Amino acid sequence: MADYHSPTIVRPDIPRSAMTLLEHRLLIGMFSHEGAENAVYFFAEEYVNDLLHLDLPEVHRLLEDDPFPDSYAVTVVRDHLRKLDPAEGELALDMSVIGYEGIFQDIVKRCDGLDDIEVVAAWTCTKMRPDGFGGMATLITADAIETMSTASFLDDARHRLKAGGQAAA
């Protein structure tokens, strides 16, 4: 059996003051992290955790204290709370669908010290499988989010080289 891994890093370290309590809680649920006083380095040694289980009283407290009621994180959490069965004791968030990009984008928008945030991931496998290797990079600015995988790069390069070869012929 092959094990697939996606070690990931986030650059630069994120100023703690740039994150709301809710954003910080979501990000530390998805990523491993180091540092906590002034800035946080987010990373994932094997993969980014894409399923978060949050205690409802904690979620409500974080929402009440959030200074940005229209932020991506608040909007997503409130939307999921509306759909939640009142008998549930926790909120489950599928971050593979929700994503972290919108959270990081809000942080860039608010933080004068950040022009952008980079998320770089390697895709590896414990067996030499053709679908088990590659990677991706995401650049997040206040105005845009751009992602390219190694497969996308290769497709783009093939297209450019083919178009260039036809133009020369």
Protein backbone atom coordinates (compact mmCIF):
# COMPACT_ATOMS: atom_id res chain seq x y z
CA MET A 1 0.00 0.00 0.00
CA ALA A 2 1.27 3.45 -0.88
CA ASP A 3 1.11 6.33 1.58
CA TYR A 4 0.69 9.78 0.08
CA HIS A 5 2.12 12.84 1.84
CA SER A 6 1.91 16.55 1.22
CA PRO A 7 4.43 18.42 3.37
CA THR A 8 3.55 22.10 3.23
CA ILE A 9 5.07 25.39 4.36
CA VAL A 10 3.60 28.86 4.67
CA ARG A 11 5.89 31.87 4.18
CA PRO A 12 6.46 34.32 5.76
CA ASP A 13 5.65 33.83 9.43
CA ILE A 14 2.26 35.41 10.12
CA PRO A 15 2.18 38.22 12.70
CA ARG A 16 0.01 37.09 15.59
CA SER A 17 -1.56 40.55 15.71
CA ALA A 18 -2.74 40.16 12.08
CA MET A 19 -4.95 37.15 12.89
CA THR A 20 -8.28 37.18 14.65
CA LEU A 21 -8.83 34.56 17.35
CA LEU A 22 -11.10 32.62 14.98
CA GLU A 23 -8.57 32.70 12.13
CA HIS A 24 -5.81 31.62 14.50
CA ARG A 25 -7.96 28.75 15.81
CA LEU A 26 -8.77 27.51 12.31
CA LEU A 27 -5.19 27.78 11.08
CA ILE A 28 -3.68 25.98 14.08
CA GLY A 29 -6.27 23.27 13.54
CA MET A 30 -5.11 22.77 9.96
CA PHE A 31 -1.38 23.33 10.28
CA SER A 32 1.36 22.49 12.71
CA HIS A 33 2.83 25.69 14.02
CA GLU A 34 5.79 27.19 15.85
CA GLY A 35 6.04 30.47 17.67
CA ALA A 36 3.07 32.19 19.18
CA GLU A 37 4.10 35.46 20.77
CA ASN A 38 4.82 37.76 17.82
CA ALA A 39 4.56 35.60 14.72
CA VAL A 40 3.51 32.09 13.80
CA TYR A 41 5.22 29.76 11.33
CA PHE A 42 2.63 27.41 9.81
CA PHE A 43 3.62 24.09 8.23
CA ALA A 44 2.48 20.51 7.75
CA GLU A 45 5.00 17.69 7.94
CA GLU A 46 2.74 15.10 6.30
CA TYR A 47 -0.42 16.89 5.18
CA VAL A 48 -2.68 19.81 6.03
CA ASN A 49 -5.49 18.65 8.32
CA ASP A 50 -8.66 19.09 6.32
CA LEU A 51 -11.27 18.09 8.91
CA LEU A 52 -11.72 20.30 11.96
CA HIS A 53 -13.99 19.52 14.90
CA LEU A 54 -14.69 22.61 17.00
CA ASP A 55 -16.57 22.72 20.29
CA LEU A 56 -19.74 24.82 19.84
CA PRO A 57 -19.29 27.03 22.93
CA GLU A 58 -15.76 27.86 21.72
CA VAL A 59 -17.07 28.66 18.23
CA HIS A 60 -19.75 30.99 19.61
CA ARG A 61 -17.21 32.74 21.85
CA LEU A 62 -14.81 33.22 18.92
CA LEU A 63 -17.60 34.64 16.76
CA GLU A 64 -18.72 37.05 19.49
CA ASP A 65 -15.16 38.34 19.91
CA ASP A 66 -14.37 38.64 16.19
CA PRO A 67 -13.71 42.26 15.15
CA PHE A 68 -14.33 41.48 11.44
CA PRO A 69 -17.88 40.11 11.13
CA ASP A 70 -17.67 39.99 7.32
CA SER A 71 -14.37 38.11 7.14
CA TYR A 72 -14.06 34.89 5.18
CA ALA A 73 -13.63 32.83 8.37
CA VAL A 74 -16.67 34.33 10.10
CA THR A 75 -18.84 33.98 6.99
CA VAL A 76 -17.90 30.32 6.52
CA VAL A 77 -18.37 29.40 10.17
CA ARG A 78 -21.73 31.20 10.43
CA ASP A 79 -22.91 29.49 7.24
CA HIS A 80 -22.02 26.06 8.64
CA LEU A 81 -23.63 26.88 11.98
CA ARG A 82 -26.93 27.70 10.21
CA LYS A 83 -26.91 24.21 8.65
CA LEU A 84 -25.98 22.44 11.89
CA ASP A 85 -28.43 20.25 13.77
CA PRO A 86 -29.06 22.02 17.11
CA ALA A 87 -28.45 18.71 18.93
CA GLU A 88 -24.85 18.59 17.73
CA GLY A 89 -22.19 19.44 20.29
CA GLU A 90 -19.50 20.32 17.80
CA LEU A 91 -19.01 21.93 14.45
CA ALA A 92 -17.25 19.83 11.80
CA LEU A 93 -15.60 21.84 9.03
CA ASP A 94 -14.31 20.21 5.84
CA MET A 95 -11.38 22.51 5.15
CA SER A 96 -10.57 20.67 1.91
CA VAL A 97 -13.70 22.37 0.53
CA ILE A 98 -13.53 25.60 2.55
CA GLY A 99 -9.79 26.15 2.09
CA TYR A 100 -7.29 28.29 3.94
CA GLU A 101 -6.66 30.70 1.08
CA GLY A 102 -9.51 33.07 1.98
CA ILE A 103 -8.34 33.20 5.58
CA PHE A 104 -4.80 34.09 4.52
CA GLN A 105 -6.11 36.65 2.04
CA ASP A 106 -8.03 38.47 4.78
CA ILE A 107 -4.84 38.52 6.86
CA VAL A 108 -2.85 40.05 3.98
CA LYS A 109 -5.58 42.66 3.45
CA ARG A 110 -5.36 43.79 7.08
CA CYS A 111 -1.62 43.53 7.68
CA ASP A 112 0.53 46.40 6.42
CA GLY A 113 3.64 44.24 6.94
CA LEU A 114 2.52 41.53 4.50
CA ASP A 115 2.49 41.99 0.74
CA ASP A 116 1.66 38.35 0.14
CA ILE A 117 1.65 34.86 1.63
CA GLU A 118 3.15 31.84 -0.10
CA VAL A 119 1.95 28.29 0.46
CA VAL A 120 4.27 25.66 -1.03
CA ALA A 121 3.52 21.93 -0.94
CA ALA A 122 5.38 18.85 -2.09
CA TRP A 123 3.45 15.78 -3.10
CA THR A 124 5.28 12.58 -2.27
CA CYS A 125 4.52 8.89 -2.03
CA THR A 126 6.13 5.94 -0.27
CA LYS A 127 6.08 3.97 -3.54
CA MET A 128 7.17 5.11 -6.95
CA ARG A 129 3.69 5.85 -8.26
CA PRO A 130 3.27 8.24 -11.20
CA ASP A 131 0.47 10.10 -9.42
CA GLY A 132 2.39 10.37 -6.14
CA PHE A 133 4.91 13.09 -6.92
CA GLY A 134 4.79 16.77 -7.71
CA GLY A 135 3.76 19.82 -5.84
CA MET A 136 2.08 23.16 -5.94
CA ALA A 137 2.57 26.75 -4.99
CA THR A 138 -0.04 29.32 -4.09
CA LEU A 139 0.57 33.05 -3.93
CA ILE A 140 -2.00 35.01 -1.95
CA THR A 141 -2.21 38.80 -2.16
CA ALA A 142 -4.88 41.20 -0.98
CA ASP A 143 -6.43 41.16 -4.46
CA ALA A 144 -5.75 37.70 -5.89
CA ILE A 145 -5.02 34.06 -5.22
CA GLU A 146 -2.95 32.21 -7.80
CA THR A 147 -2.15 28.49 -7.62
CA MET A 148 -0.08 26.35 -9.93
CA SER A 149 0.73 22.67 -9.58
CA THR A 150 3.67 20.98 -11.23
CA ALA A 151 1.17 19.29 -13.59
CA SER A 152 -0.24 22.72 -14.53
CA PHE A 153 3.28 24.02 -15.13
CA LEU A 154 4.09 21.07 -17.39
CA ASP A 155 0.83 21.50 -19.35
CA ASP A 156 1.52 25.23 -19.78
CA ALA A 157 5.11 24.56 -20.84
CA ARG A 158 3.99 21.91 -23.36
CA HIS A 159 1.44 24.33 -24.79
CA ARG A 160 3.96 27.19 -25.06
CA LEU A 161 6.65 24.96 -26.62
CA LYS A 162 4.19 23.47 -29.09
CA ALA A 163 2.84 26.91 -30.03
CA GLY A 164 6.39 28.24 -30.38
CA GLY A 165 7.39 25.28 -32.55
CA GLN A 166 4.41 25.77 -34.85
CA ALA A 167 5.13 29.50 -35.12
CA ALA A 168 8.72 28.78 -36.14
CA ALA A 169 7.60 26.24 -38.78
